[in-house]
């Protein structure tokens, strides 16, 4: 979990591994870091030098042996603050360029977009966060979707969806129900801006979709590993009418108000991890 978050600083895997080791174990000589992290010593010094340059760790020397320390908290915080400033500056530059592109005569975004792996899907599905206060419909083989997107990503996705008050009526196949105690971010009720219904037993599906505004995002199974977004009012209208038929046939997944509130608290406190 920590490793993935540290990668937002642009760190390499071995740099993350060395930094986390120092955070967990304190001052350590390079040789022991290499041994405990399985990072080759010949390349470790380069990684440690980069971490020192970033301000995440410091170094000292005792009896001719270099000792590496995790930096003080305020220094680490400043590294993240500088990174945030850099990202904001890059975002502003890109926004200016995008506005210039949109003002060009004849430019239009594509109506059909394809993604071919989980990482691309994570980026594409955030398209829904262009909107707020909308009602959406999903047809998810939910266990498979969580496996594809990842627990942490799906948790943050749902938190942001709730913050934007994006309501979802979700249909799950019977065999794809998940344990809400294990995945509290999949709760149902007013706190979650979600109602869940379980499709009839004879209705099974391995590919899912999410309808929002005039768009539909499709996600295949992990085996096929692809998906796409279609922007079309006519297509959405047709698919939503078919979704409505299954919705009426499906049974509500009942979750008590008390349990829903508890799941919500656990989700916001990340107690599922």
C-alpha atoms as a PDB file:
ATOM      1  CA  UNK A   1       0.000   0.000   0.000  1.00  0.00           C
ATOM      2  CA  UNK A   2       2.719   2.480   1.045  1.00  0.00           C
ATOM      3  CA  UNK A   3       4.880   1.420  -1.875  1.00  0.00           C
ATOM      4  CA  UNK A   4       2.233   2.354  -4.454  1.00  0.00           C
ATOM      5  CA  UNK A   5       1.683   5.775  -2.876  1.00  0.00           C
ATOM      6  CA  UNK A   6       5.405   6.538  -2.812  1.00  0.00           C
ATOM      7  CA  UNK A   7       5.622   5.841  -6.531  1.00  0.00           C
ATOM      8  CA  UNK A   8       3.674   9.081  -7.068  1.00  0.00           C
ATOM      9  CA  UNK A   9       6.984  10.810  -6.347  1.00  0.00           C
ATOM     10  CA  UNK A  10       8.434   9.136  -9.427  1.00  0.00           C
ATOM     11  CA  UNK A  11      10.535   6.679  -7.431  1.00  0.00           C
ATOM     12  CA  UNK A  12      11.746   3.419  -8.930  1.00  0.00           C
ATOM     13  CA  UNK A  13      10.741   0.111  -7.337  1.00  0.00           C
ATOM     14  CA  UNK A  14      14.142  -0.432  -5.709  1.00  0.00           C
ATOM     15  CA  UNK A  15      14.183   3.142  -4.379  1.00  0.00           C
ATOM     16  CA  UNK A  16      10.765   2.637  -2.830  1.00  0.00           C
ATOM     17  CA  UNK A  17      11.912  -0.667  -1.320  1.00  0.00           C
ATOM     18  CA  UNK A  18      15.003   0.941   0.244  1.00  0.00           C
ATOM     19  CA  UNK A  19      13.086   3.947   1.587  1.00  0.00           C
ATOM     20  CA  UNK A  20      10.334   1.835   3.131  1.00  0.00           C
ATOM     21  CA  UNK A  21      12.971  -0.384   4.746  1.00  0.00           C
ATOM     22  CA  UNK A  22      14.579   2.670   6.386  1.00  0.00           C
ATOM     23  CA  UNK A  23      11.188   3.923   7.540  1.00  0.00           C
ATOM     24  CA  UNK A  24      10.509   0.580   9.190  1.00  0.00           C
ATOM     25  CA  UNK A  25      13.985  -0.106  10.590  1.00  0.00           C
ATOM     26  CA  UNK A  26      15.735   3.236  11.092  1.00  0.00           C
ATOM     27  CA  UNK A  27      19.442   3.990  10.473  1.00  0.00           C
ATOM     28  CA  UNK A  28      21.094   1.197   8.486  1.00  0.00           C
ATOM     29  CA  UNK A  29      24.353   0.750   6.513  1.00  0.00           C
ATOM     30  CA  UNK A  30      24.031   0.225   2.771  1.00  0.00           C
ATOM     31  CA  UNK A  31      25.265  -3.361   2.898  1.00  0.00           C
ATOM     32  CA  UNK A  32      22.497  -4.416   5.269  1.00  0.00           C
ATOM     33  CA  UNK A  33      19.878  -2.526   3.230  1.00  0.00           C
ATOM     34  CA  UNK A  34      20.992  -4.432   0.126  1.00  0.00           C
ATOM     35  CA  UNK A  35      20.861  -7.753   1.973  1.00  0.00           C
ATOM     36  CA  UNK A  36      17.432  -7.216   3.545  1.00  0.00           C
ATOM     37  CA  UNK A  37      15.744  -5.717   0.470  1.00  0.00           C
ATOM     38  CA  UNK A  38      17.385  -7.951  -2.171  1.00  0.00           C
ATOM     39  CA  UNK A  39      18.482  -4.847  -4.061  1.00  0.00           C
ATOM     40  CA  UNK A  40      21.848  -5.344  -5.765  1.00  0.00           C
ATOM     41  CA  UNK A  41      24.508  -3.423  -3.883  1.00  0.00           C
ATOM     42  CA  UNK A  42      26.123  -2.208  -7.097  1.00  0.00           C
ATOM     43  CA  UNK A  43      22.910  -0.311  -7.989  1.00  0.00           C
ATOM     44  CA  UNK A  44      21.755   0.455  -4.438  1.00  0.00           C
ATOM     45  CA  UNK A  45      24.169   3.372  -3.973  1.00  0.00           C
ATOM     46  CA  UNK A  46      22.687   5.096  -7.010  1.00  0.00           C
ATOM     47  CA  UNK A  47      19.185   4.659  -5.591  1.00  0.00           C
ATOM     48  CA  UNK A  48      20.267   5.925  -2.173  1.00  0.00           C
ATOM     49  CA  UNK A  49      21.983   8.925  -3.775  1.00  0.00           C
ATOM     50  CA  UNK A  50      18.725   9.796  -5.542  1.00  0.00           C
ATOM     51  CA  UNK A  51      16.755   9.490  -2.289  1.00  0.00           C
ATOM     52  CA  UNK A  52      19.275  11.782  -0.565  1.00  0.00           C
ATOM     53  CA  UNK A  53      18.944  14.257  -3.423  1.00  0.00           C
ATOM     54  CA  UNK A  54      15.178  14.274  -3.075  1.00  0.00           C
ATOM     55  CA  UNK A  55      15.448  14.896   0.649  1.00  0.00           C
ATOM     56  CA  UNK A  56      13.767  11.657   1.688  1.00  0.00           C
ATOM     57  CA  UNK A  57      16.819  10.230   3.446  1.00  0.00           C
ATOM     58  CA  UNK A  58      20.091  11.527   4.900  1.00  0.00           C
ATOM     59  CA  UNK A  59      23.499   9.929   5.305  1.00  0.00           C
ATOM     60  CA  UNK A  60      26.264   9.924   7.880  1.00  0.00           C
ATOM     61  CA  UNK A  61      29.464   7.967   8.423  1.00  0.00           C
ATOM     62  CA  UNK A  62      30.668   5.945  11.378  1.00  0.00           C
ATOM     63  CA  UNK A  63      34.003   4.136  11.484  1.00  0.00           C
ATOM     64  CA  UNK A  64      34.300   4.501   7.732  1.00  0.00           C
ATOM     65  CA  UNK A  65      30.864   2.980   7.097  1.00  0.00           C
ATOM     66  CA  UNK A  66      28.076   5.059   5.532  1.00  0.00           C
ATOM     67  CA  UNK A  67      24.846   4.981   7.498  1.00  0.00           C
ATOM     68  CA  UNK A  68      21.532   6.023   5.938  1.00  0.00           C
ATOM     69  CA  UNK A  69      18.623   7.540   7.870  1.00  0.00           C
ATOM     70  CA  UNK A  70      15.035   8.402   6.939  1.00  0.00           C
ATOM     71  CA  UNK A  71      14.702  12.202   6.838  1.00  0.00           C
ATOM     72  CA  UNK A  72      12.801  14.169   9.454  1.00  0.00           C
ATOM     73  CA  UNK A  73       9.036  14.366   8.940  1.00  0.00           C
ATOM     74  CA  UNK A  74       9.034  18.063   7.993  1.00  0.00           C
ATOM     75  CA  UNK A  75      11.599  17.401   5.260  1.00  0.00           C
ATOM     76  CA  UNK A  76       9.563  14.518   3.838  1.00  0.00           C
ATOM     77  CA  UNK A  77       6.459  16.701   3.912  1.00  0.00           C
ATOM     78  CA  UNK A  78       8.292  19.398   1.949  1.00  0.00           C
ATOM     79  CA  UNK A  79       9.203  16.837  -0.727  1.00  0.00           C
ATOM     80  CA  UNK A  80       5.521  16.026  -1.210  1.00  0.00           C
ATOM     81  CA  UNK A  81       4.545  19.711  -1.141  1.00  0.00           C
ATOM     82  CA  UNK A  82       7.092  20.491  -3.870  1.00  0.00           C
ATOM     83  CA  UNK A  83       5.795  17.555  -5.905  1.00  0.00           C
ATOM     84  CA  UNK A  84       2.238  18.879  -5.551  1.00  0.00           C
ATOM     85  CA  UNK A  85       3.380  22.310  -6.772  1.00  0.00           C
ATOM     86  CA  UNK A  86       5.105  20.725  -9.776  1.00  0.00           C
ATOM     87  CA  UNK A  87       1.980  18.724 -10.644  1.00  0.00           C
ATOM     88  CA  UNK A  88      -0.249  21.808 -10.309  1.00  0.00           C
ATOM     89  CA  UNK A  89       2.089  23.790 -12.554  1.00  0.00           C
ATOM     90  CA  UNK A  90       2.092  20.983 -15.149  1.00  0.00           C
ATOM     91  CA  UNK A  91      -1.716  20.752 -14.915  1.00  0.00           C
ATOM     92  CA  UNK A  92      -2.097  24.494 -15.565  1.00  0.00           C
ATOM     93  CA  UNK A  93       0.204  24.288 -18.591  1.00  0.00           C
ATOM     94  CA  UNK A  94      -1.721  21.354 -20.043  1.00  0.00           C
ATOM     95  CA  UNK A  95      -5.050  23.130 -19.438  1.00  0.00           C
ATOM     96  CA  UNK A  96      -3.836  26.118 -21.476  1.00  0.00           C
ATOM     97  CA  UNK A  97      -2.764  23.799 -24.296  1.00  0.00           C
ATOM     98  CA  UNK A  98      -6.073  21.891 -24.187  1.00  0.00           C
ATOM     99  CA  UNK A  99      -8.109  25.102 -24.345  1.00  0.00           C
ATOM    100  CA  UNK A 100      -6.103  26.111 -27.388  1.00  0.00           C
ATOM    101  CA  UNK A 101      -6.823  22.758 -29.021  1.00  0.00           C
ATOM    102  CA  UNK A 102     -10.563  22.962 -28.295  1.00  0.00           C
ATOM    103  CA  UNK A 103     -10.725  26.412 -29.866  1.00  0.00           C
ATOM    104  CA  UNK A 104      -9.365  25.069 -33.145  1.00  0.00           C
ATOM    105  CA  UNK A 105     -12.001  24.767 -35.817  1.00  0.00           C
ATOM    106  CA  UNK A 106     -13.268  21.244 -36.427  1.00  0.00           C
ATOM    107  CA  UNK A 107     -11.735  19.672 -33.298  1.00  0.00           C
ATOM    108  CA  UNK A 108     -13.958  17.202 -31.464  1.00  0.00           C
ATOM    109  CA  UNK A 109     -13.200  14.541 -28.855  1.00  0.00           C
ATOM    110  CA  UNK A 110     -13.607  10.913 -30.044  1.00  0.00           C
ATOM    111  CA  UNK A 111     -17.000   9.244 -29.568  1.00  0.00           C
ATOM    112  CA  UNK A 112     -15.383   5.841 -29.171  1.00  0.00           C
ATOM    113  CA  UNK A 113     -12.328   5.218 -26.956  1.00  0.00           C
ATOM    114  CA  UNK A 114     -10.550   1.900 -26.363  1.00  0.00           C
ATOM    115  CA  UNK A 115      -8.383   0.769 -23.445  1.00  0.00           C
ATOM    116  CA  UNK A 116      -6.440  -2.486 -23.325  1.00  0.00           C
ATOM    117  CA  UNK A 117      -5.191  -3.009 -19.767  1.00  0.00           C
ATOM    118  CA  UNK A 118      -6.084  -2.340 -16.136  1.00  0.00           C
ATOM    119  CA  UNK A 119      -3.952   0.813 -15.874  1.00  0.00           C
ATOM    120  CA  UNK A 120      -5.629   2.405 -18.874  1.00  0.00           C
ATOM    121  CA  UNK A 121      -9.007   1.409 -17.450  1.00  0.00           C
ATOM    122  CA  UNK A 122      -8.208   3.125 -14.152  1.00  0.00           C
ATOM    123  CA  UNK A 123      -7.539   6.341 -16.050  1.00  0.00           C
ATOM    124  CA  UNK A 124     -10.517   6.055 -18.404  1.00  0.00           C
ATOM    125  CA  UNK A 125     -13.091   5.276 -15.736  1.00  0.00           C
ATOM    126  CA  UNK A 126     -12.281   8.576 -14.028  1.00  0.00           C
ATOM    127  CA  UNK A 127     -14.113  10.191 -16.919  1.00  0.00           C
ATOM    128  CA  UNK A 128     -17.211   9.949 -14.732  1.00  0.00           C
ATOM    129  CA  UNK A 129     -15.692  12.530 -12.388  1.00  0.00           C
ATOM    130  CA  UNK A 130     -16.321  15.177 -15.001  1.00  0.00           C
ATOM    131  CA  UNK A 131     -19.829  15.151 -13.522  1.00  0.00           C
ATOM    132  CA  UNK A 132     -21.517  15.798 -10.181  1.00  0.00           C
ATOM    133  CA  UNK A 133     -24.979  15.168  -8.743  1.00  0.00           C
ATOM    134  CA  UNK A 134     -26.031  12.668 -11.408  1.00  0.00           C
ATOM    135  CA  UNK A 135     -27.795   9.300 -11.361  1.00  0.00           C
ATOM    136  CA  UNK A 136     -26.082   6.381 -13.071  1.00  0.00           C
ATOM    137  CA  UNK A 137     -26.735   2.698 -13.759  1.00  0.00           C
ATOM    138  CA  UNK A 138     -24.235  -0.146 -13.612  1.00  0.00           C
ATOM    139  CA  UNK A 139     -24.298  -3.795 -14.642  1.00  0.00           C
ATOM    140  CA  UNK A 140     -21.227  -5.154 -12.868  1.00  0.00           C
ATOM    141  CA  UNK A 141     -19.743  -8.641 -12.399  1.00  0.00           C
ATOM    142  CA  UNK A 142     -18.448  -6.973  -9.265  1.00  0.00           C
ATOM    143  CA  UNK A 143     -15.896  -9.525  -8.020  1.00  0.00           C
ATOM    144  CA  UNK A 144     -14.181  -9.506 -11.399  1.00  0.00           C
ATOM    145  CA  UNK A 145     -14.211  -5.702 -11.569  1.00  0.00           C
ATOM    146  CA  UNK A 146     -12.568  -5.392  -8.135  1.00  0.00           C
ATOM    147  CA  UNK A 147      -9.904  -7.888  -9.205  1.00  0.00           C
ATOM    148  CA  UNK A 148      -9.195  -5.882 -12.355  1.00  0.00           C
ATOM    149  CA  UNK A 149      -9.180  -2.417 -10.760  1.00  0.00           C
ATOM    150  CA  UNK A 150      -7.627  -3.384  -7.421  1.00  0.00           C
ATOM    151  CA  UNK A 151      -8.985  -2.956  -3.896  1.00  0.00           C
ATOM    152  CA  UNK A 152      -7.284   0.354  -3.128  1.00  0.00           C
ATOM    153  CA  UNK A 153      -8.252   1.932  -6.433  1.00  0.00           C
ATOM    154  CA  UNK A 154     -11.880   0.828  -6.110  1.00  0.00           C
ATOM    155  CA  UNK A 155     -12.050   2.191  -2.570  1.00  0.00           C
ATOM    156  CA  UNK A 156     -10.778   5.622  -3.645  1.00  0.00           C
ATOM    157  CA  UNK A 157     -13.054   5.539  -6.691  1.00  0.00           C
ATOM    158  CA  UNK A 158     -16.099   5.081  -4.483  1.00  0.00           C
ATOM    159  CA  UNK A 159     -15.019   7.760  -2.017  1.00  0.00           C
ATOM    160  CA  UNK A 160     -14.687  10.275  -4.842  1.00  0.00           C
ATOM    161  CA  UNK A 161     -18.001   9.163  -6.335  1.00  0.00           C
ATOM    162  CA  UNK A 162     -19.703   9.765  -2.993  1.00  0.00           C
ATOM    163  CA  UNK A 163     -18.054  13.182  -2.609  1.00  0.00           C
ATOM    164  CA  UNK A 164     -19.425  14.135  -6.025  1.00  0.00           C
ATOM    165  CA  UNK A 165     -22.834  12.711  -5.108  1.00  0.00           C
ATOM    166  CA  UNK A 166     -22.899  10.417  -8.113  1.00  0.00           C
ATOM    167  CA  UNK A 167     -25.706   7.956  -7.374  1.00  0.00           C
ATOM    168  CA  UNK A 168     -25.538   4.470  -8.844  1.00  0.00           C
ATOM    169  CA  UNK A 169     -28.192   1.784  -9.209  1.00  0.00           C
ATOM    170  CA  UNK A 170     -26.115  -1.382  -9.474  1.00  0.00           C
ATOM    171  CA  UNK A 171     -27.029  -4.843 -10.736  1.00  0.00           C
ATOM    172  CA  UNK A 172     -24.789  -7.732  -9.678  1.00  0.00           C
ATOM    173  CA  UNK A 173     -25.019 -11.358 -10.820  1.00  0.00           C
ATOM    174  CA  UNK A 174     -25.847 -13.834  -8.055  1.00  0.00           C
ATOM    175  CA  UNK A 175     -22.443 -15.543  -8.207  1.00  0.00           C
ATOM    176  CA  UNK A 176     -20.562 -12.244  -8.057  1.00  0.00           C
ATOM    177  CA  UNK A 177     -21.794 -10.959  -4.688  1.00  0.00           C
ATOM    178  CA  UNK A 178     -19.002  -9.700  -2.442  1.00  0.00           C
ATOM    179  CA  UNK A 179     -18.538  -9.766   1.311  1.00  0.00           C
ATOM    180  CA  UNK A 180     -19.214  -6.196   2.446  1.00  0.00           C
ATOM    181  CA  UNK A 181     -17.364  -6.792   5.699  1.00  0.00           C
ATOM    182  CA  UNK A 182     -14.267  -7.482   3.608  1.00  0.00           C
ATOM    183  CA  UNK A 183     -15.002  -4.690   1.124  1.00  0.00           C
ATOM    184  CA  UNK A 184     -16.955  -1.991   3.022  1.00  0.00           C
ATOM    185  CA  UNK A 185     -16.590   0.409   0.075  1.00  0.00           C
ATOM    186  CA  UNK A 186     -19.139  -1.819  -1.687  1.00  0.00           C
ATOM    187  CA  UNK A 187     -21.845  -0.933   0.836  1.00  0.00           C
ATOM    188  CA  UNK A 188     -25.408  -0.083  -0.124  1.00  0.00           C
ATOM    189  CA  UNK A 189     -27.641   2.683   1.207  1.00  0.00           C
ATOM    190  CA  UNK A 190     -27.977   6.448   1.309  1.00  0.00           C
ATOM    191  CA  UNK A 191     -24.449   6.948   2.731  1.00  0.00           C
ATOM    192  CA  UNK A 192     -23.021   5.196  -0.306  1.00  0.00           C
ATOM    193  CA  UNK A 193     -25.278   6.847  -2.890  1.00  0.00           C
ATOM    194  CA  UNK A 194     -25.897   3.318  -4.138  1.00  0.00           C
ATOM    195  CA  UNK A 195     -28.687   0.772  -4.386  1.00  0.00           C
ATOM    196  CA  UNK A 196     -27.748  -2.793  -5.241  1.00  0.00           C
ATOM    197  CA  UNK A 197     -29.962  -5.452  -6.766  1.00  0.00           C
ATOM    198  CA  UNK A 198     -29.079  -9.090  -7.486  1.00  0.00           C
ATOM    199  CA  UNK A 199     -29.974 -10.354 -10.955  1.00  0.00           C
ATOM    200  CA  UNK A 200     -32.058 -13.556 -11.344  1.00  0.00           C
ATOM    201  CA  UNK A 201     -29.986 -16.749 -11.140  1.00  0.00           C
ATOM    202  CA  UNK A 202     -30.366 -17.444 -14.843  1.00  0.00           C
ATOM    203  CA  UNK A 203     -28.888 -14.022 -15.711  1.00  0.00           C
ATOM    204  CA  UNK A 204     -25.098 -14.324 -15.686  1.00  0.00           C
ATOM    205  CA  UNK A 205     -22.550 -12.006 -17.286  1.00  0.00           C
ATOM    206  CA  UNK A 206     -18.752 -11.641 -17.266  1.00  0.00           C
ATOM    207  CA  UNK A 207     -18.559  -8.228 -18.965  1.00  0.00           C
ATOM    208  CA  UNK A 208     -19.844  -5.135 -17.208  1.00  0.00           C
ATOM    209  CA  UNK A 209     -20.879  -1.599 -18.059  1.00  0.00           C
ATOM    210  CA  UNK A 210     -21.631   1.713 -16.376  1.00  0.00           C
ATOM    211  CA  UNK A 211     -24.114   4.188 -17.868  1.00  0.00           C
ATOM    212  CA  UNK A 212     -23.688   7.879 -17.036  1.00  0.00           C
ATOM    213  CA  UNK A 213     -25.050  10.961 -18.799  1.00  0.00           C
ATOM    214  CA  UNK A 214     -24.647  10.251 -22.536  1.00  0.00           C
ATOM    215  CA  UNK A 215     -21.797   7.737 -22.127  1.00  0.00           C
ATOM    216  CA  UNK A 216     -21.267   4.051 -21.398  1.00  0.00           C
ATOM    217  CA  UNK A 217     -18.009   2.487 -20.213  1.00  0.00           C
ATOM    218  CA  UNK A 218     -17.660  -1.252 -20.929  1.00  0.00           C
ATOM    219  CA  UNK A 219     -15.202  -3.517 -19.083  1.00  0.00           C
ATOM    220  CA  UNK A 220     -14.355  -7.058 -20.172  1.00  0.00           C
ATOM    221  CA  UNK A 221     -13.244  -9.941 -17.969  1.00  0.00           C
ATOM    222  CA  UNK A 222      -9.606 -10.171 -16.873  1.00  0.00           C
ATOM    223  CA  UNK A 223      -9.170 -12.936 -19.451  1.00  0.00           C
ATOM    224  CA  UNK A 224     -10.082 -10.650 -22.370  1.00  0.00           C
ATOM    225  CA  UNK A 225      -8.527  -7.581 -20.726  1.00  0.00           C
ATOM    226  CA  UNK A 226     -10.014  -4.738 -22.780  1.00  0.00           C
ATOM    227  CA  UNK A 227     -12.770  -2.176 -22.653  1.00  0.00           C
ATOM    228  CA  UNK A 228     -14.154   0.938 -24.300  1.00  0.00           C
ATOM    229  CA  UNK A 229     -16.207   4.088 -23.784  1.00  0.00           C
ATOM    230  CA  UNK A 230     -19.010   5.034 -26.148  1.00  0.00           C
ATOM    231  CA  UNK A 231     -20.527   8.528 -26.218  1.00  0.00           C
ATOM    232  CA  UNK A 232     -23.964   8.399 -27.833  1.00  0.00           C
ATOM    233  CA  UNK A 233     -27.362   9.526 -26.542  1.00  0.00           C
ATOM    234  CA  UNK A 234     -29.177   6.984 -28.734  1.00  0.00           C
ATOM    235  CA  UNK A 235     -26.939   4.135 -27.587  1.00  0.00           C
ATOM    236  CA  UNK A 236     -27.391   5.122 -23.926  1.00  0.00           C
ATOM    237  CA  UNK A 237     -31.156   5.291 -24.351  1.00  0.00           C
ATOM    238  CA  UNK A 238     -31.275   1.802 -25.867  1.00  0.00           C
ATOM    239  CA  UNK A 239     -28.975   0.248 -23.258  1.00  0.00           C
ATOM    240  CA  UNK A 240     -30.699   1.955 -20.341  1.00  0.00           C
ATOM    241  CA  UNK A 241     -34.093   0.586 -21.433  1.00  0.00           C
ATOM    242  CA  UNK A 242     -32.648  -2.940 -21.528  1.00  0.00           C
ATOM    243  CA  UNK A 243     -30.955  -2.387 -18.152  1.00  0.00           C
ATOM    244  CA  UNK A 244     -34.319  -1.274 -16.732  1.00  0.00           C
ATOM    245  CA  UNK A 245     -35.898  -4.623 -17.654  1.00  0.00           C
ATOM    246  CA  UNK A 246     -33.247  -6.554 -15.686  1.00  0.00           C
ATOM    247  CA  UNK A 247     -33.474  -4.042 -12.810  1.00  0.00           C
ATOM    248  CA  UNK A 248     -37.192  -4.717 -12.414  1.00  0.00           C
ATOM    249  CA  UNK A 249     -36.551  -8.483 -12.392  1.00  0.00           C
ATOM    250  CA  UNK A 250     -33.759  -8.228  -9.820  1.00  0.00           C
ATOM    251  CA  UNK A 251     -34.071  -8.471  -6.030  1.00  0.00           C
ATOM    252  CA  UNK A 252     -32.823  -5.650  -3.759  1.00  0.00           C
ATOM    253  CA  UNK A 253     -29.777  -6.518  -1.680  1.00  0.00           C
ATOM    254  CA  UNK A 254     -31.018  -5.646   1.790  1.00  0.00           C
ATOM    255  CA  UNK A 255     -28.590  -3.887   4.132  1.00  0.00           C
ATOM    256  CA  UNK A 256     -29.798  -2.472   7.447  1.00  0.00           C
ATOM    257  CA  UNK A 257     -29.318   1.231   8.148  1.00  0.00           C
ATOM    258  CA  UNK A 258     -27.094   0.389  11.112  1.00  0.00           C
ATOM    259  CA  UNK A 259     -24.853  -1.914   9.052  1.00  0.00           C
ATOM    260  CA  UNK A 260     -24.693   0.606   6.218  1.00  0.00           C
ATOM    261  CA  UNK A 261     -23.477   3.321   8.599  1.00  0.00           C
ATOM    262  CA  UNK A 262     -20.875   0.974  10.077  1.00  0.00           C
ATOM    263  CA  UNK A 263     -19.612  -0.035   6.631  1.00  0.00           C
ATOM    264  CA  UNK A 264     -19.383   3.628   5.666  1.00  0.00           C
ATOM    265  CA  UNK A 265     -17.300   4.416   8.764  1.00  0.00           C
ATOM    266  CA  UNK A 266     -14.993   1.485   8.041  1.00  0.00           C
ATOM    267  CA  UNK A 267     -14.573   2.597   4.432  1.00  0.00           C
ATOM    268  CA  UNK A 268     -13.692   6.186   5.364  1.00  0.00           C
ATOM    269  CA  UNK A 269     -11.211   4.938   7.985  1.00  0.00           C
ATOM    270  CA  UNK A 270      -9.780   2.341   5.592  1.00  0.00           C
ATOM    271  CA  UNK A 271     -10.376  -0.406   8.151  1.00  0.00           C
ATOM    272  CA  UNK A 272     -10.785  -2.996   5.408  1.00  0.00           C
ATOM    273  CA  UNK A 273      -7.069  -2.950   4.524  1.00  0.00           C
END
